[in-house]
């Protein structure tokens, strides 16, 4: 099955069911902690990728 077919079948009811299941599995207190961790991980990834770009920029200017 193609990925575009699977993504086309996701509707508001499916998203609501998944959200309710996540809430039931993890509880209301655990979800904010998970989101905080996800946000800090994304921020660290962006900072690391910016650091790599800054390191590569001087080399490309010398060439």
PDB file of N, CA and C in Angstrom:
ATOM      1  N   UNK A   1       0.826  -1.175   0.000  1.00  0.00           N
ATOM      2  CA  UNK A   1       0.000   0.000   0.000  1.00  0.00           C
ATOM      3  C   UNK A   1       0.881   1.253   0.000  1.00  0.00           C
ATOM      4  N   UNK A   2       0.471   2.229  -0.726  1.00  0.00           N
ATOM      5  CA  UNK A   2       1.239   3.464  -0.804  1.00  0.00           C
ATOM      6  C   UNK A   2       0.984   4.332   0.417  1.00  0.00           C
ATOM      7  N   UNK A   3       1.992   5.134   0.752  1.00  0.00           N
ATOM      8  CA  UNK A   3       1.888   6.019   1.908  1.00  0.00           C
ATOM      9  C   UNK A   3       0.817   7.086   1.700  1.00  0.00           C
ATOM     10  N   UNK A   4       0.692   7.587   0.482  1.00  0.00           N
ATOM     11  CA  UNK A   4      -0.307   8.638   0.225  1.00  0.00           C
ATOM     12  C   UNK A   4      -1.726   8.119   0.444  1.00  0.00           C
ATOM     13  N   UNK A   5      -1.955   6.858   0.189  1.00  0.00           N
ATOM     14  CA  UNK A   5      -3.283   6.293   0.422  1.00  0.00           C
ATOM     15  C   UNK A   5      -3.564   6.241   1.921  1.00  0.00           C
ATOM     16  N   UNK A   6      -2.572   5.842   2.696  1.00  0.00           N
ATOM     17  CA  UNK A   6      -2.761   5.760   4.141  1.00  0.00           C
ATOM     18  C   UNK A   6      -2.980   7.134   4.753  1.00  0.00           C
ATOM     19  N   UNK A   7      -2.247   8.132   4.291  1.00  0.00           N
ATOM     20  CA  UNK A   7      -2.402   9.476   4.844  1.00  0.00           C
ATOM     21  C   UNK A   7      -3.735  10.090   4.434  1.00  0.00           C
ATOM     22  N   UNK A   8      -4.265   9.718   3.308  1.00  0.00           N
ATOM     23  CA  UNK A   8      -5.526  10.261   2.846  1.00  0.00           C
ATOM     24  C   UNK A   8      -6.708   9.763   3.656  1.00  0.00           C
ATOM     25  N   UNK A   9      -6.550   8.654   4.358  1.00  0.00           N
ATOM     26  CA  UNK A   9      -7.657   8.063   5.102  1.00  0.00           C
ATOM     27  C   UNK A   9      -7.756   8.599   6.531  1.00  0.00           C
ATOM     28  N   UNK A  10      -6.834   9.442   6.957  1.00  0.00           N
ATOM     29  CA  UNK A  10      -6.866   9.970   8.319  1.00  0.00           C
ATOM     30  C   UNK A  10      -7.812  11.160   8.366  1.00  0.00           C
ATOM     31  N   UNK A  11      -8.816  11.060   9.232  1.00  0.00           N
ATOM     32  CA  UNK A  11      -9.804  12.125   9.359  1.00  0.00           C
ATOM     33  C   UNK A  11      -9.880  12.608  10.791  1.00  0.00           C
ATOM     34  N   UNK A  12     -10.772  13.535  11.054  1.00  0.00           N
ATOM     35  CA  UNK A  12     -10.887  14.097  12.406  1.00  0.00           C
ATOM     36  C   UNK A  12     -11.296  13.060  13.456  1.00  0.00           C
ATOM     37  N   UNK A  13     -12.110  12.093  13.067  1.00  0.00           N
ATOM     38  CA  UNK A  13     -12.535  11.074  14.040  1.00  0.00           C
ATOM     39  C   UNK A  13     -11.371  10.178  14.432  1.00  0.00           C
ATOM     40  N   UNK A  14     -10.519   9.837  13.467  1.00  0.00           N
ATOM     41  CA  UNK A  14      -9.366   8.994  13.775  1.00  0.00           C
ATOM     42  C   UNK A  14      -8.393   9.733  14.689  1.00  0.00           C
ATOM     43  N   UNK A  15      -8.200  11.014  14.442  1.00  0.00           N
ATOM     44  CA  UNK A  15      -7.306  11.812  15.286  1.00  0.00           C
ATOM     45  C   UNK A  15      -7.873  11.907  16.700  1.00  0.00           C
ATOM     46  N   UNK A  16      -9.178  12.082  16.821  1.00  0.00           N
ATOM     47  CA  UNK A  16      -9.815  12.162  18.144  1.00  0.00           C
ATOM     48  C   UNK A  16      -9.657  10.850  18.902  1.00  0.00           C
ATOM     49  N   UNK A  17      -9.831   9.732  18.215  1.00  0.00           N
ATOM     50  CA  UNK A  17      -9.687   8.427  18.869  1.00  0.00           C
ATOM     51  C   UNK A  17      -8.262   8.229  19.357  1.00  0.00           C
ATOM     52  N   UNK A  18      -7.282   8.585  18.538  1.00  0.00           N
ATOM     53  CA  UNK A  18      -5.881   8.454  18.941  1.00  0.00           C
ATOM     54  C   UNK A  18      -5.588   9.351  20.134  1.00  0.00           C
ATOM     55  N   UNK A  19      -6.098  10.582  20.132  1.00  0.00           N
ATOM     56  CA  UNK A  19      -5.869  11.502  21.240  1.00  0.00           C
ATOM     57  C   UNK A  19      -6.471  10.967  22.539  1.00  0.00           C
ATOM     58  N   UNK A  20      -7.658  10.396  22.459  1.00  0.00           N
ATOM     59  CA  UNK A  20      -8.296   9.826  23.651  1.00  0.00           C
ATOM     60  C   UNK A  20      -7.502   8.630  24.168  1.00  0.00           C
ATOM     61  N   UNK A  21      -7.028   7.783  23.259  1.00  0.00           N
ATOM     62  CA  UNK A  21      -6.223   6.629  23.672  1.00  0.00           C
ATOM     63  C   UNK A  21      -4.925   7.061  24.350  1.00  0.00           C
ATOM     64  N   UNK A  22      -4.278   8.077  23.799  1.00  0.00           N
ATOM     65  CA  UNK A  22      -3.042   8.577  24.410  1.00  0.00           C
ATOM     66  C   UNK A  22      -3.334   9.134  25.794  1.00  0.00           C
ATOM     67  N   UNK A  23      -4.407   9.862  25.935  1.00  0.00           N
ATOM     68  CA  UNK A  23      -4.789  10.422  27.228  1.00  0.00           C
ATOM     69  C   UNK A  23      -5.067   9.321  28.241  1.00  0.00           C
ATOM     70  N   UNK A  24      -5.749   8.272  27.811  1.00  0.00           N
ATOM     71  CA  UNK A  24      -6.046   7.164  28.716  1.00  0.00           C
ATOM     72  C   UNK A  24      -4.785   6.378  29.098  1.00  0.00           C
ATOM     73  N   UNK A  25      -3.888   6.198  28.140  1.00  0.00           N
ATOM     74  CA  UNK A  25      -2.681   5.416  28.406  1.00  0.00           C
ATOM     75  C   UNK A  25      -1.692   6.151  29.312  1.00  0.00           C
ATOM     76  N   UNK A  26      -1.475   7.436  29.045  1.00  0.00           N
ATOM     77  CA  UNK A  26      -0.433   8.166  29.759  1.00  0.00           C
ATOM     78  C   UNK A  26      -0.962   9.045  30.884  1.00  0.00           C
ATOM     79  N   UNK A  27      -2.204   9.417  30.858  1.00  0.00           N
ATOM     80  CA  UNK A  27      -2.760  10.273  31.892  1.00  0.00           C
ATOM     81  C   UNK A  27      -2.471  11.737  31.629  1.00  0.00           C
ATOM     82  N   UNK A  28      -3.209  12.587  32.303  1.00  0.00           N
ATOM     83  CA  UNK A  28      -3.091  14.026  32.095  1.00  0.00           C
ATOM     84  C   UNK A  28      -1.803  14.625  32.614  1.00  0.00           C
ATOM     85  N   UNK A  29      -1.189  14.001  33.615  1.00  0.00           N
ATOM     86  CA  UNK A  29       0.024  14.568  34.200  1.00  0.00           C
ATOM     87  C   UNK A  29       1.279  14.215  33.403  1.00  0.00           C
ATOM     88  N   UNK A  30       1.272  13.081  32.758  1.00  0.00           N
ATOM     89  CA  UNK A  30       2.465  12.622  32.046  1.00  0.00           C
ATOM     90  C   UNK A  30       2.633  13.294  30.682  1.00  0.00           C
ATOM     91  N   UNK A  31       1.537  13.657  30.040  1.00  0.00           N
ATOM     92  CA  UNK A  31       1.594  14.221  28.691  1.00  0.00           C
ATOM     93  C   UNK A  31       2.374  15.537  28.645  1.00  0.00           C
ATOM     94  N   UNK A  32       2.149  16.510  29.561  1.00  0.00           N
ATOM     95  CA  UNK A  32       2.965  17.732  29.506  1.00  0.00           C
ATOM     96  C   UNK A  32       4.454  17.470  29.685  1.00  0.00           C
ATOM     97  N   UNK A  33       4.805  16.498  30.519  1.00  0.00           N
ATOM     98  CA  UNK A  33       6.217  16.153  30.689  1.00  0.00           C
ATOM     99  C   UNK A  33       6.802  15.604  29.393  1.00  0.00           C
ATOM    100  N   UNK A  34       6.029  14.772  28.713  1.00  0.00           N
ATOM    101  CA  UNK A  34       6.494  14.214  27.443  1.00  0.00           C
ATOM    102  C   UNK A  34       6.657  15.314  26.394  1.00  0.00           C
ATOM    103  N   UNK A  35       5.728  16.244  26.336  1.00  0.00           N
ATOM    104  CA  UNK A  35       5.810  17.334  25.360  1.00  0.00           C
ATOM    105  C   UNK A  35       6.991  18.257  25.658  1.00  0.00           C
ATOM    106  N   UNK A  36       7.242  18.502  26.952  1.00  0.00           N
ATOM    107  CA  UNK A  36       8.393  19.311  27.342  1.00  0.00           C
ATOM    108  C   UNK A  36       9.692  18.648  26.880  1.00  0.00           C
ATOM    109  N   UNK A  37       9.788  17.343  27.087  1.00  0.00           N
ATOM    110  CA  UNK A  37      10.965  16.602  26.657  1.00  0.00           C
ATOM    111  C   UNK A  37      11.123  16.616  25.145  1.00  0.00           C
ATOM    112  N   UNK A  38      10.009  16.481  24.434  1.00  0.00           N
ATOM    113  CA  UNK A  38      10.050  16.522  22.976  1.00  0.00           C
ATOM    114  C   UNK A  38      10.500  17.891  22.485  1.00  0.00           C
ATOM    115  N   UNK A  39       9.976  18.947  23.109  1.00  0.00           N
ATOM    116  CA  UNK A  39      10.366  20.307  22.720  1.00  0.00           C
ATOM    117  C   UNK A  39      11.834  20.583  22.964  1.00  0.00           C
ATOM    118  N   UNK A  40      12.350  20.139  24.100  1.00  0.00           N
ATOM    119  CA  UNK A  40      13.775  20.367  24.381  1.00  0.00           C
ATOM    120  C   UNK A  40      14.644  19.543  23.441  1.00  0.00           C
ATOM    121  N   UNK A  41      14.194  18.368  23.070  1.00  0.00           N
ATOM    122  CA  UNK A  41      14.950  17.557  22.119  1.00  0.00           C
ATOM    123  C   UNK A  41      15.011  18.205  20.751  1.00  0.00           C
ATOM    124  N   UNK A  42      13.895  18.763  20.302  1.00  0.00           N
ATOM    125  CA  UNK A  42      13.869  19.455  19.009  1.00  0.00           C
ATOM    126  C   UNK A  42      14.764  20.684  19.043  1.00  0.00           C
ATOM    127  N   UNK A  43      14.734  21.419  20.171  1.00  0.00           N
ATOM    128  CA  UNK A  43      15.568  22.613  20.294  1.00  0.00           C
ATOM    129  C   UNK A  43      17.047  22.245  20.250  1.00  0.00           C
ATOM    130  N   UNK A  44      17.427  21.188  20.951  1.00  0.00           N
ATOM    131  CA  UNK A  44      18.823  20.743  20.931  1.00  0.00           C
ATOM    132  C   UNK A  44      19.236  20.311  19.533  1.00  0.00           C
ATOM    133  N   UNK A  45      18.355  19.643  18.824  1.00  0.00           N
ATOM    134  CA  UNK A  45      18.659  19.216  17.457  1.00  0.00           C
ATOM    135  C   UNK A  45      18.891  20.422  16.554  1.00  0.00           C
ATOM    136  N   UNK A  46      18.023  21.448  16.670  1.00  0.00           N
ATOM    137  CA  UNK A  46      18.179  22.650  15.853  1.00  0.00           C
ATOM    138  C   UNK A  46      19.470  23.371  16.189  1.00  0.00           C
ATOM    139  N   UNK A  47      19.789  23.476  17.484  1.00  0.00           N
ATOM    140  CA  UNK A  47      21.031  24.134  17.888  1.00  0.00           C
ATOM    141  C   UNK A  47      22.241  23.382  17.357  1.00  0.00           C
ATOM    142  N   UNK A  48      22.207  22.066  17.390  1.00  0.00           N
ATOM    143  CA  UNK A  48      23.317  21.266  16.892  1.00  0.00           C
ATOM    144  C   UNK A  48      23.466  21.417  15.382  1.00  0.00           C
ATOM    145  N   UNK A  49      22.342  21.465  14.670  1.00  0.00           N
ATOM    146  CA  UNK A  49      22.433  21.612  13.213  1.00  0.00           C
ATOM    147  C   UNK A  49      22.924  23.007  12.843  1.00  0.00           C
ATOM    148  N   UNK A  50      22.558  24.033  13.619  1.00  0.00           N
ATOM    149  CA  UNK A  50      23.082  25.377  13.369  1.00  0.00           C
ATOM    150  C   UNK A  50      24.580  25.418  13.615  1.00  0.00           C
ATOM    151  N   UNK A  51      25.030  24.731  14.654  1.00  0.00           N
ATOM    152  CA  UNK A  51      26.458  24.683  14.951  1.00  0.00           C
ATOM    153  C   UNK A  51      27.241  24.021  13.835  1.00  0.00           C
ATOM    154  N   UNK A  52      26.695  22.985  13.249  1.00  0.00           N
ATOM    155  CA  UNK A  52      27.357  22.306  12.136  1.00  0.00           C
ATOM    156  C   UNK A  52      27.409  23.205  10.909  1.00  0.00           C
ATOM    157  N   UNK A  53      26.340  23.962  10.642  1.00  0.00           N
ATOM    158  CA  UNK A  53      26.329  24.868   9.497  1.00  0.00           C
ATOM    159  C   UNK A  53      27.362  25.970   9.669  1.00  0.00           C
ATOM    160  N   UNK A  54      27.510  26.485  10.891  1.00  0.00           N
ATOM    161  CA  UNK A  54      28.478  27.545  11.140  1.00  0.00           C
ATOM    162  C   UNK A  54      29.904  27.032  10.969  1.00  0.00           C
ATOM    163  N   UNK A  55      30.141  25.777  11.329  1.00  0.00           N
ATOM    164  CA  UNK A  55      31.474  25.199  11.161  1.00  0.00           C
ATOM    165  C   UNK A  55      31.797  25.006   9.684  1.00  0.00           C
ATOM    166  N   UNK A  56      30.808  24.657   8.869  1.00  0.00           N
ATOM    167  CA  UNK A  56      31.035  24.393   7.464  1.00  0.00           C
ATOM    168  C   UNK A  56      31.146  25.675   6.641  1.00  0.00           C
ATOM    169  N   UNK A  57      30.558  26.768   7.081  1.00  0.00           N
ATOM    170  CA  UNK A  57      30.545  28.009   6.312  1.00  0.00           C
ATOM    171  C   UNK A  57      31.943  28.569   6.057  1.00  0.00           C
ATOM    172  N   UNK A  58      32.837  28.665   7.055  1.00  0.00           N
ATOM    173  CA  UNK A  58      34.164  29.204   6.752  1.00  0.00           C
ATOM    174  C   UNK A  58      34.942  28.367   5.741  1.00  0.00           C
ATOM    175  N   UNK A  59      34.793  27.069   5.766  1.00  0.00           N
ATOM    176  CA  UNK A  59      35.487  26.213   4.805  1.00  0.00           C
ATOM    177  C   UNK A  59      35.031  26.491   3.394  1.00  0.00           C
ATOM    178  N   UNK A  60      33.740  26.662   3.190  1.00  0.00           N
ATOM    179  CA  UNK A  60      33.233  26.885   1.822  1.00  0.00           C
ATOM    180  C   UNK A  60      33.645  28.277   1.326  1.00  0.00           C
ATOM    181  N   UNK A  61      33.834  29.247   2.216  1.00  0.00           N
ATOM    182  CA  UNK A  61      34.275  30.578   1.791  1.00  0.00           C
ATOM    183  C   UNK A  61      35.734  30.581   1.355  1.00  0.00           C
ATOM    184  N   UNK A  62      36.571  29.736   1.947  1.00  0.00           N
ATOM    185  CA  UNK A  62      37.992  29.683   1.594  1.00  0.00           C
ATOM    186  C   UNK A  62      38.206  29.034   0.239  1.00  0.00           C
ATOM    187  N   UNK A  63      37.304  28.131  -0.150  1.00  0.00           N
ATOM    188  CA  UNK A  63      37.480  27.402  -1.421  1.00  0.00           C
ATOM    189  C   UNK A  63      37.159  28.220  -2.581  1.00  0.00           C
TER     190      UNK A  63
END
